[in-house]
Amino acid sequence: MIKNIAVFCASAMPQNAIYREAATELGTLLAKKGKSIVYGGASVGLMDALASAALQNGGQVTGVITEFLADKEIAKTNCTKLIVAKNMSERKTKILEIADAVIALPGAFGTMDELFETLTLVHLNLYNVPVGLLNTNGYFNLLLDFLDKMASEQFLQHKHLQTLTVASSVETLLNKMTIL
């Protein structure tokens, strides 16, 4: 049973409100369905929108933040549980230890790092959870094209692309991942 969902997303808040709305919708829906969120522990950007929505709707939220970021005072201190990791590597490890599923929302380098490390672990059969990509506003279209290119050039087997569930709406993604 999927209970704890790791969500990787931006610490930035983009100008286009559609991304904040998607993060808020995901946090709200997961909370209302009794699912717990595990995320990067920040009080900024899409991370904050996700966590705040979940908490406002009675959800359980575990934040995992690094000492460095906690020292910069961006930790979301009202999480249900806040874990402080020594570094980014330990942070990812702790998040994945807790998670029963992983979802990536739009983000930048950190989000891509977390997503690709997770996919690599799944590919190597070292981690066995559903992995989803919320393709809000076509944000990941170029990335998906690049993954197809990897497979067409035989750097990646097509079957490994199927370990990533992609949808453009929150509810569709959660249903395809059998989280709801």
N, C-alpha and C. Protein backbone atom coordinates (compact mmCIF):
# COMPACT_ATOMS: atom_id res chain seq x y z
N MET A 1 0.84 -1.19 0.00
CA MET A 1 0.00 0.00 0.00
C MET A 1 0.88 1.25 0.00
N ILE A 2 0.52 2.19 -0.80
CA ILE A 2 1.28 3.43 -0.91
C ILE A 2 0.73 4.44 0.09
N LYS A 3 1.57 4.82 1.03
CA LYS A 3 1.17 5.77 2.07
C LYS A 3 2.01 7.04 2.03
N ASN A 4 3.33 6.89 1.89
CA ASN A 4 4.26 8.02 1.93
C ASN A 4 4.75 8.35 0.53
N ILE A 5 4.43 9.56 0.08
CA ILE A 5 4.79 9.97 -1.27
C ILE A 5 5.89 11.03 -1.19
N ALA A 6 7.05 10.72 -1.79
CA ALA A 6 8.12 11.70 -1.90
C ALA A 6 7.77 12.61 -3.07
N VAL A 7 7.89 13.90 -2.85
CA VAL A 7 7.65 14.86 -3.91
C VAL A 7 8.88 15.73 -4.07
N PHE A 8 9.45 15.69 -5.26
CA PHE A 8 10.59 16.53 -5.60
C PHE A 8 10.07 17.71 -6.43
N CYS A 9 10.42 18.92 -6.03
CA CYS A 9 9.96 20.09 -6.76
C CYS A 9 10.82 21.30 -6.43
N ALA A 10 10.51 22.40 -7.06
CA ALA A 10 11.32 23.61 -7.00
C ALA A 10 11.26 24.32 -5.66
N SER A 11 12.39 24.91 -5.30
CA SER A 11 12.42 25.83 -4.16
C SER A 11 12.13 27.25 -4.65
N ALA A 12 11.99 27.40 -5.94
CA ALA A 12 11.64 28.70 -6.54
C ALA A 12 10.14 28.75 -6.78
N MET A 13 9.62 29.98 -6.87
CA MET A 13 8.22 30.18 -7.22
C MET A 13 8.18 30.88 -8.57
N PRO A 14 7.87 30.13 -9.63
CA PRO A 14 7.84 30.74 -10.97
C PRO A 14 6.71 31.74 -11.09
N GLN A 15 6.84 32.63 -12.07
CA GLN A 15 5.82 33.65 -12.30
C GLN A 15 4.49 33.04 -12.71
N ASN A 16 4.53 32.00 -13.53
CA ASN A 16 3.29 31.39 -14.00
C ASN A 16 2.63 30.63 -12.85
N ALA A 17 1.46 31.09 -12.43
CA ALA A 17 0.75 30.53 -11.29
C ALA A 17 0.31 29.09 -11.49
N ILE A 18 0.31 28.60 -12.72
CA ILE A 18 -0.15 27.23 -12.97
C ILE A 18 0.70 26.20 -12.22
N TYR A 19 1.98 26.50 -12.00
CA TYR A 19 2.86 25.57 -11.29
C TYR A 19 2.54 25.54 -9.80
N ARG A 20 2.30 26.70 -9.22
CA ARG A 20 1.91 26.77 -7.80
C ARG A 20 0.57 26.08 -7.61
N GLU A 21 -0.35 26.31 -8.53
CA GLU A 21 -1.67 25.69 -8.43
C GLU A 21 -1.57 24.17 -8.48
N ALA A 22 -0.70 23.63 -9.32
CA ALA A 22 -0.53 22.18 -9.41
C ALA A 22 0.07 21.62 -8.12
N ALA A 23 1.07 22.31 -7.56
CA ALA A 23 1.68 21.86 -6.31
C ALA A 23 0.65 21.91 -5.17
N THR A 24 -0.15 22.96 -5.15
CA THR A 24 -1.19 23.10 -4.13
C THR A 24 -2.24 22.01 -4.30
N GLU A 25 -2.64 21.75 -5.52
CA GLU A 25 -3.63 20.69 -5.78
C GLU A 25 -3.10 19.33 -5.34
N LEU A 26 -1.84 19.05 -5.64
CA LEU A 26 -1.26 17.77 -5.24
C LEU A 26 -1.23 17.64 -3.72
N GLY A 27 -0.76 18.67 -3.02
CA GLY A 27 -0.71 18.63 -1.56
C GLY A 27 -2.09 18.45 -0.96
N THR A 28 -3.06 19.16 -1.49
CA THR A 28 -4.44 19.07 -0.99
C THR A 28 -5.02 17.69 -1.21
N LEU A 29 -4.89 17.16 -2.42
CA LEU A 29 -5.48 15.86 -2.74
C LEU A 29 -4.82 14.74 -1.95
N LEU A 30 -3.50 14.76 -1.83
CA LEU A 30 -2.83 13.71 -1.05
C LEU A 30 -3.28 13.76 0.41
N ALA A 31 -3.39 14.95 0.98
CA ALA A 31 -3.85 15.07 2.37
C ALA A 31 -5.26 14.54 2.53
N LYS A 32 -6.15 14.91 1.62
CA LYS A 32 -7.55 14.48 1.72
C LYS A 32 -7.70 12.98 1.54
N LYS A 33 -6.75 12.35 0.85
CA LYS A 33 -6.80 10.89 0.65
C LYS A 33 -6.00 10.14 1.71
N GLY A 34 -5.52 10.87 2.73
CA GLY A 34 -4.82 10.23 3.84
C GLY A 34 -3.39 9.81 3.53
N LYS A 35 -2.82 10.39 2.51
CA LYS A 35 -1.43 10.09 2.14
C LYS A 35 -0.50 11.09 2.81
N SER A 36 0.69 10.65 3.15
CA SER A 36 1.70 11.52 3.76
C SER A 36 2.69 11.97 2.70
N ILE A 37 3.18 13.18 2.86
CA ILE A 37 4.15 13.75 1.93
C ILE A 37 5.52 13.80 2.59
N VAL A 38 6.54 13.42 1.83
CA VAL A 38 7.93 13.57 2.23
C VAL A 38 8.56 14.46 1.17
N TYR A 39 9.20 15.55 1.60
CA TYR A 39 9.73 16.50 0.62
C TYR A 39 10.96 17.17 1.18
N GLY A 40 11.52 18.12 0.45
CA GLY A 40 12.78 18.75 0.79
C GLY A 40 12.80 19.68 1.98
N GLY A 41 11.69 19.88 2.66
CA GLY A 41 11.65 20.59 3.92
C GLY A 41 11.73 22.11 3.86
N ALA A 42 11.64 22.69 2.68
CA ALA A 42 11.79 24.15 2.57
C ALA A 42 10.47 24.89 2.73
N SER A 43 10.59 26.15 3.14
CA SER A 43 9.43 27.03 3.31
C SER A 43 9.34 28.05 2.18
N VAL A 44 9.88 27.67 1.04
CA VAL A 44 9.89 28.57 -0.13
C VAL A 44 9.47 27.80 -1.38
N GLY A 45 9.02 28.54 -2.39
CA GLY A 45 8.76 28.00 -3.71
C GLY A 45 7.62 26.99 -3.77
N LEU A 46 7.71 26.12 -4.77
CA LEU A 46 6.69 25.08 -4.94
C LEU A 46 6.69 24.13 -3.75
N MET A 47 7.86 23.96 -3.13
CA MET A 47 7.93 23.11 -1.94
C MET A 47 6.98 23.61 -0.86
N ASP A 48 7.00 24.91 -0.62
CA ASP A 48 6.13 25.48 0.40
C ASP A 48 4.66 25.38 0.00
N ALA A 49 4.35 25.63 -1.27
CA ALA A 49 2.96 25.53 -1.74
C ALA A 49 2.42 24.12 -1.51
N LEU A 50 3.22 23.11 -1.84
CA LEU A 50 2.84 21.71 -1.66
C LEU A 50 2.60 21.40 -0.18
N ALA A 51 3.60 21.69 0.65
CA ALA A 51 3.52 21.35 2.07
C ALA A 51 2.42 22.13 2.78
N SER A 52 2.32 23.41 2.51
CA SER A 52 1.28 24.23 3.16
C SER A 52 -0.11 23.72 2.82
N ALA A 53 -0.34 23.37 1.57
CA ALA A 53 -1.65 22.86 1.17
C ALA A 53 -1.97 21.56 1.91
N ALA A 54 -1.00 20.68 1.99
CA ALA A 54 -1.22 19.41 2.70
C ALA A 54 -1.53 19.66 4.17
N LEU A 55 -0.73 20.49 4.82
CA LEU A 55 -0.94 20.78 6.24
C LEU A 55 -2.29 21.46 6.49
N GLN A 56 -2.68 22.38 5.62
CA GLN A 56 -3.97 23.08 5.77
C GLN A 56 -5.15 22.14 5.61
N ASN A 57 -4.91 20.98 4.96
CA ASN A 57 -5.98 20.01 4.76
C ASN A 57 -5.82 18.78 5.64
N GLY A 58 -5.09 18.95 6.75
CA GLY A 58 -4.96 17.88 7.74
C GLY A 58 -3.97 16.80 7.40
N GLY A 59 -3.11 17.04 6.42
CA GLY A 59 -2.15 16.03 6.00
C GLY A 59 -0.92 15.96 6.88
N GLN A 60 -0.21 14.86 6.73
CA GLN A 60 1.06 14.64 7.42
C GLN A 60 2.18 14.98 6.44
N VAL A 61 3.11 15.81 6.89
CA VAL A 61 4.21 16.26 6.03
C VAL A 61 5.53 16.08 6.76
N THR A 62 6.42 15.32 6.14
CA THR A 62 7.78 15.16 6.67
C THR A 62 8.72 15.94 5.77
N GLY A 63 9.41 16.90 6.35
CA GLY A 63 10.40 17.66 5.61
C GLY A 63 11.78 17.12 5.92
N VAL A 64 12.60 16.99 4.89
CA VAL A 64 13.98 16.55 5.06
C VAL A 64 14.87 17.63 4.43
N ILE A 65 15.55 18.37 5.28
CA ILE A 65 16.33 19.51 4.81
C ILE A 65 17.78 19.34 5.27
N THR A 66 18.70 19.95 4.55
CA THR A 66 20.10 19.86 4.95
C THR A 66 20.41 20.89 6.03
N GLU A 67 21.48 20.63 6.78
CA GLU A 67 21.93 21.58 7.80
C GLU A 67 22.18 22.95 7.16
N PHE A 68 22.84 22.94 6.00
CA PHE A 68 23.15 24.18 5.30
C PHE A 68 21.90 25.01 5.03
N LEU A 69 20.86 24.36 4.50
CA LEU A 69 19.63 25.09 4.19
C LEU A 69 18.86 25.47 5.45
N ALA A 70 18.89 24.62 6.45
CA ALA A 70 18.23 24.94 7.72
C ALA A 70 18.89 26.16 8.36
N ASP A 71 20.22 26.24 8.24
CA ASP A 71 20.96 27.39 8.79
C ASP A 71 20.61 28.69 8.06
N LYS A 72 20.17 28.59 6.81
CA LYS A 72 19.75 29.78 6.05
C LYS A 72 18.31 30.18 6.40
N GLU A 73 17.72 29.47 7.36
CA GLU A 73 16.38 29.75 7.87
C GLU A 73 15.29 29.60 6.82
N ILE A 74 15.43 28.59 5.98
CA ILE A 74 14.33 28.34 5.03
C ILE A 74 13.61 27.03 5.34
N ALA A 75 13.92 26.42 6.47
CA ALA A 75 13.23 25.19 6.86
C ALA A 75 11.77 25.49 7.21
N LYS A 76 10.88 24.61 6.79
CA LYS A 76 9.46 24.76 7.13
C LYS A 76 9.28 24.13 8.52
N THR A 77 9.27 24.97 9.52
CA THR A 77 9.30 24.49 10.90
C THR A 77 7.97 23.93 11.39
N ASN A 78 6.88 24.14 10.66
CA ASN A 78 5.60 23.60 11.11
C ASN A 78 5.24 22.29 10.43
N CYS A 79 6.22 21.63 9.83
CA CYS A 79 5.98 20.29 9.29
C CYS A 79 5.57 19.35 10.43
N THR A 80 4.89 18.28 10.09
CA THR A 80 4.57 17.27 11.08
C THR A 80 5.85 16.74 11.70
N LYS A 81 6.85 16.54 10.84
CA LYS A 81 8.17 16.08 11.29
C LYS A 81 9.20 16.75 10.39
N LEU A 82 10.27 17.24 11.00
CA LEU A 82 11.36 17.85 10.24
C LEU A 82 12.65 17.11 10.57
N ILE A 83 13.28 16.58 9.54
CA ILE A 83 14.55 15.87 9.68
C ILE A 83 15.64 16.73 9.08
N VAL A 84 16.73 16.91 9.80
CA VAL A 84 17.86 17.68 9.29
C VAL A 84 18.97 16.71 8.91
N ALA A 85 19.31 16.70 7.62
CA ALA A 85 20.37 15.83 7.09
C ALA A 85 21.67 16.62 6.99
N LYS A 86 22.78 15.91 7.00
CA LYS A 86 24.09 16.58 6.93
C LYS A 86 24.34 17.20 5.57
N ASN A 87 23.90 16.53 4.49
CA ASN A 87 24.20 17.02 3.15
C ASN A 87 23.11 16.56 2.19
N MET A 88 23.25 16.95 0.93
CA MET A 88 22.22 16.63 -0.08
C MET A 88 22.10 15.13 -0.32
N SER A 89 23.22 14.44 -0.31
CA SER A 89 23.19 12.99 -0.52
C SER A 89 22.42 12.29 0.59
N GLU A 90 22.69 12.66 1.81
CA GLU A 90 21.96 12.07 2.95
C GLU A 90 20.48 12.45 2.89
N ARG A 91 20.20 13.66 2.46
CA ARG A 91 18.81 14.11 2.34
C ARG A 91 18.04 13.22 1.37
N LYS A 92 18.62 12.98 0.19
CA LYS A 92 17.94 12.12 -0.80
C LYS A 92 17.75 10.72 -0.25
N THR A 93 18.78 10.19 0.40
CA THR A 93 18.70 8.84 0.96
C THR A 93 17.57 8.74 1.97
N LYS A 94 17.47 9.71 2.86
CA LYS A 94 16.43 9.69 3.89
C LYS A 94 15.03 9.79 3.26
N ILE A 95 14.89 10.65 2.28
CA ILE A 95 13.59 10.79 1.61
C ILE A 95 13.19 9.47 0.97
N LEU A 96 14.12 8.85 0.26
CA LEU A 96 13.80 7.59 -0.44
C LEU A 96 13.58 6.44 0.53
N GLU A 97 14.21 6.47 1.70
CA GLU A 97 13.97 5.42 2.71
C GLU A 97 12.53 5.45 3.20
N ILE A 98 11.95 6.63 3.27
CA ILE A 98 10.59 6.80 3.79
C ILE A 98 9.53 6.55 2.71
N ALA A 99 9.85 6.87 1.46
CA ALA A 99 8.85 6.92 0.39
C ALA A 99 8.40 5.56 -0.13
N ASP A 100 7.10 5.49 -0.41
CA ASP A 100 6.50 4.34 -1.09
C ASP A 100 6.25 4.64 -2.56
N ALA A 101 6.40 5.89 -2.94
CA ALA A 101 6.24 6.35 -4.33
C ALA A 101 6.95 7.70 -4.43
N VAL A 102 7.30 8.07 -5.66
CA VAL A 102 8.01 9.32 -5.91
C VAL A 102 7.31 10.07 -7.04
N ILE A 103 7.12 11.37 -6.83
CA ILE A 103 6.56 12.24 -7.87
C ILE A 103 7.47 13.44 -8.03
N ALA A 104 7.78 13.79 -9.26
CA ALA A 104 8.54 15.00 -9.54
C ALA A 104 7.62 16.02 -10.18
N LEU A 105 7.67 17.22 -9.65
CA LEU A 105 6.99 18.38 -10.22
C LEU A 105 8.06 19.23 -10.91
N PRO A 106 7.67 20.25 -11.63
CA PRO A 106 8.67 21.13 -12.24
C PRO A 106 9.66 21.67 -11.21
N GLY A 107 10.88 21.78 -11.67
CA GLY A 107 11.96 22.28 -10.83
C GLY A 107 13.20 22.48 -11.67
N ALA A 108 14.33 22.59 -11.00
CA ALA A 108 15.60 22.86 -11.70
C ALA A 108 16.61 21.75 -11.40
N PHE A 109 17.86 22.12 -11.18
CA PHE A 109 18.93 21.14 -11.01
C PHE A 109 18.64 20.13 -9.90
N GLY A 110 18.23 20.61 -8.74
CA GLY A 110 17.98 19.71 -7.62
C GLY A 110 16.90 18.70 -7.92
N THR A 111 15.81 19.17 -8.52
CA THR A 111 14.70 18.28 -8.87
C THR A 111 15.16 17.23 -9.89
N MET A 112 15.92 17.67 -10.88
CA MET A 112 16.41 16.72 -11.89
C MET A 112 17.36 15.70 -11.26
N ASP A 113 18.22 16.16 -10.37
CA ASP A 113 19.15 15.27 -9.68
C ASP A 113 18.37 14.20 -8.91
N GLU A 114 17.36 14.63 -8.15
CA GLU A 114 16.56 13.70 -7.36
C GLU A 114 15.80 12.73 -8.25
N LEU A 115 15.21 13.23 -9.31
CA LEU A 115 14.46 12.38 -10.23
C LEU A 115 15.37 11.34 -10.88
N PHE A 116 16.51 11.79 -11.42
CA PHE A 116 17.37 10.85 -12.13
C PHE A 116 18.07 9.87 -11.19
N GLU A 117 18.38 10.28 -9.99
CA GLU A 117 18.94 9.30 -9.05
C GLU A 117 17.90 8.23 -8.74
N THR A 118 16.66 8.64 -8.53
CA THR A 118 15.59 7.68 -8.27
C THR A 118 15.40 6.74 -9.45
N LEU A 119 15.33 7.28 -10.66
CA LEU A 119 15.16 6.44 -11.85
C LEU A 119 16.33 5.48 -12.02
N THR A 120 17.55 5.93 -11.71
CA THR A 120 18.71 5.06 -11.81
C THR A 120 18.60 3.90 -10.82
N LEU A 121 18.20 4.20 -9.59
CA LEU A 121 18.04 3.14 -8.58
C LEU A 121 16.96 2.14 -9.00
N VAL A 122 15.87 2.63 -9.57
CA VAL A 122 14.81 1.74 -10.06
C VAL A 122 15.34 0.90 -11.22
N HIS A 123 16.04 1.54 -12.14
CA HIS A 123 16.62 0.86 -13.31
C HIS A 123 17.56 -0.28 -12.88
N LEU A 124 18.31 -0.05 -11.81
CA LEU A 124 19.28 -1.04 -11.32
C LEU A 124 18.65 -2.05 -10.35
N ASN A 125 17.32 -1.96 -10.18
CA ASN A 125 16.59 -2.84 -9.26
C ASN A 125 17.07 -2.70 -7.82
N LEU A 126 17.52 -1.51 -7.44
CA LEU A 126 17.93 -1.24 -6.08
C LEU A 126 16.84 -0.53 -5.28
N TYR A 127 15.78 -0.14 -5.99
CA TYR A 127 14.68 0.60 -5.38
C TYR A 127 13.45 0.26 -6.19
N ASN A 128 12.36 -0.09 -5.52
CA ASN A 128 11.18 -0.55 -6.25
C ASN A 128 9.94 0.21 -5.80
N VAL A 129 9.75 1.39 -6.37
CA VAL A 129 8.56 2.19 -6.10
C VAL A 129 8.09 2.81 -7.41
N PRO A 130 6.81 3.16 -7.50
CA PRO A 130 6.35 3.88 -8.69
C PRO A 130 6.95 5.29 -8.71
N VAL A 131 7.30 5.73 -9.92
CA VAL A 131 7.88 7.06 -10.11
C VAL A 131 7.02 7.82 -11.12
N GLY A 132 6.58 9.01 -10.73
CA GLY A 132 5.72 9.79 -11.59
C GLY A 132 6.29 11.16 -11.89
N LEU A 133 5.87 11.69 -13.01
CA LEU A 133 6.29 13.01 -13.46
C LEU A 133 5.03 13.81 -13.77
N LEU A 134 4.81 14.89 -13.03
CA LEU A 134 3.66 15.75 -13.29
C LEU A 134 4.08 16.79 -14.32
N ASN A 135 3.63 16.59 -15.54
CA ASN A 135 4.05 17.41 -16.68
C ASN A 135 3.14 18.63 -16.84
N THR A 136 3.10 19.45 -15.81
CA THR A 136 2.27 20.65 -15.81
C THR A 136 2.71 21.60 -16.93
N ASN A 137 1.74 22.03 -17.71
CA ASN A 137 1.99 23.02 -18.75
C ASN A 137 3.05 22.57 -19.76
N GLY A 138 3.21 21.26 -19.93
CA GLY A 138 4.21 20.73 -20.87
C GLY A 138 5.64 20.97 -20.43
N TYR A 139 5.84 21.25 -19.14
CA TYR A 139 7.17 21.61 -18.63
C TYR A 139 8.24 20.59 -18.99
N PHE A 140 7.90 19.32 -18.92
CA PHE A 140 8.89 18.26 -19.15
C PHE A 140 8.90 17.72 -20.58
N ASN A 141 8.21 18.36 -21.51
CA ASN A 141 8.14 17.83 -22.88
C ASN A 141 9.52 17.63 -23.50
N LEU A 142 10.40 18.59 -23.37
CA LEU A 142 11.75 18.45 -23.96
C LEU A 142 12.53 17.34 -23.28
N LEU A 143 12.36 17.20 -21.98
CA LEU A 143 13.02 16.11 -21.26
C LEU A 143 12.50 14.76 -21.74
N LEU A 144 11.21 14.65 -21.92
CA LEU A 144 10.63 13.40 -22.41
C LEU A 144 11.12 13.09 -23.83
N ASP A 145 11.24 14.12 -24.66
CA ASP A 145 11.81 13.92 -25.99
C ASP A 145 13.25 13.42 -25.89
N PHE A 146 14.01 13.98 -24.96
CA PHE A 146 15.40 13.56 -24.78
C PHE A 146 15.48 12.11 -24.30
N LEU A 147 14.59 11.71 -23.40
CA LEU A 147 14.57 10.32 -22.96
C LEU A 147 14.25 9.39 -24.12
N ASP A 148 13.32 9.79 -24.98
CA ASP A 148 13.03 9.00 -26.18
C ASP A 148 14.26 8.91 -27.08
N LYS A 149 15.01 10.02 -27.19
CA LYS A 149 16.24 10.02 -27.98
C LYS A 149 17.26 9.05 -27.39
N MET A 150 17.38 9.03 -26.07
CA MET A 150 18.29 8.07 -25.42
C MET A 150 17.94 6.64 -25.82
N ALA A 151 16.65 6.35 -25.82
CA ALA A 151 16.20 5.00 -26.17
C ALA A 151 16.39 4.72 -27.66
N SER A 152 16.06 5.68 -28.51
CA SER A 152 16.20 5.45 -29.96
C SER A 152 17.66 5.29 -30.37
N GLU A 153 18.57 5.91 -29.63
CA GLU A 153 20.00 5.78 -29.90
C GLU A 153 20.61 4.60 -29.13
N GLN A 154 19.77 3.85 -28.43
CA GLN A 154 20.13 2.63 -27.71
C GLN A 154 21.08 2.85 -26.53
N PHE A 155 20.99 4.02 -25.92
CA PHE A 155 21.68 4.25 -24.66
C PHE A 155 20.82 3.78 -23.49
N LEU A 156 19.55 3.60 -23.77
CA LEU A 156 18.56 3.23 -22.77
C LEU A 156 17.56 2.30 -23.45
N GLN A 157 17.15 1.28 -22.76
CA GLN A 157 16.14 0.38 -23.34
C GLN A 157 14.75 1.01 -23.20
N HIS A 158 13.94 0.83 -24.21
CA HIS A 158 12.59 1.41 -24.19
C HIS A 158 11.81 0.94 -22.96
N LYS A 159 12.02 -0.28 -22.52
CA LYS A 159 11.28 -0.79 -21.37
C LYS A 159 11.57 0.02 -20.10
N HIS A 160 12.77 0.62 -20.04
CA HIS A 160 13.09 1.41 -18.85
C HIS A 160 12.35 2.75 -18.84
N LEU A 161 11.94 3.22 -19.99
CA LEU A 161 11.12 4.43 -20.04
C LEU A 161 9.77 4.19 -19.39
N GLN A 162 9.33 2.95 -19.40
CA GLN A 162 8.02 2.62 -18.84
C GLN A 162 8.01 2.64 -17.32
N THR A 163 9.18 2.78 -16.68
CA THR A 163 9.21 2.89 -15.23
C THR A 163 8.80 4.29 -14.77
N LEU A 164 8.65 5.20 -15.71
CA LEU A 164 8.26 6.57 -15.40
C LEU A 164 6.83 6.81 -15.88
N THR A 165 5.94 7.11 -14.95
CA THR A 165 4.55 7.42 -15.28
C THR A 165 4.43 8.93 -15.46
N VAL A 166 3.84 9.34 -16.56
CA VAL A 166 3.74 10.77 -16.88
C VAL A 166 2.27 11.15 -17.10
N ALA A 167 1.89 12.28 -16.55
CA ALA A 167 0.55 12.83 -16.79
C ALA A 167 0.62 14.34 -16.59
N SER A 168 -0.32 15.03 -17.21
CA SER A 168 -0.33 16.49 -17.10
C SER A 168 -1.28 17.01 -16.02
N SER A 169 -2.08 16.13 -15.44
CA SER A 169 -2.97 16.56 -14.36
C SER A 169 -2.69 15.72 -13.11
N VAL A 170 -2.89 16.33 -11.96
CA VAL A 170 -2.62 15.68 -10.68
C VAL A 170 -3.42 14.39 -10.53
N GLU A 171 -4.72 14.49 -10.70
CA GLU A 171 -5.57 13.32 -10.47
C GLU A 171 -5.26 12.20 -11.45
N THR A 172 -5.01 12.52 -12.70
CA THR A 172 -4.64 11.49 -13.69
C THR A 172 -3.35 10.80 -13.28
N LEU A 173 -2.35 11.57 -12.87
CA LEU A 173 -1.09 10.99 -12.47
C LEU A 173 -1.27 10.05 -11.27
N LEU A 174 -1.98 10.52 -10.26
CA LEU A 174 -2.17 9.69 -9.06
C LEU A 174 -2.95 8.42 -9.38
N ASN A 175 -3.93 8.51 -10.27
CA ASN A 175 -4.67 7.31 -10.68
C ASN A 175 -3.80 6.35 -11.47
N LYS A 176 -2.99 6.88 -12.40
CA LYS A 176 -2.11 6.01 -13.19
C LYS A 176 -1.07 5.33 -12.32
N MET A 177 -0.64 6.00 -11.26
CA MET A 177 0.33 5.43 -10.33
C MET A 177 -0.33 4.55 -9.27
N THR A 178 -1.64 4.45 -9.31
CA THR A 178 -2.46 3.72 -8.34
C THR A 178 -2.21 4.18 -6.90
N ILE A 179 -2.10 5.48 -6.73
CA ILE A 179 -1.93 6.08 -5.41
C ILE A 179 -3.28 6.38 -4.79
N LEU A 180 -4.27 6.72 -5.61
CA LEU A 180 -5.61 7.04 -5.07
C LEU A 180 -6.41 5.79 -4.86
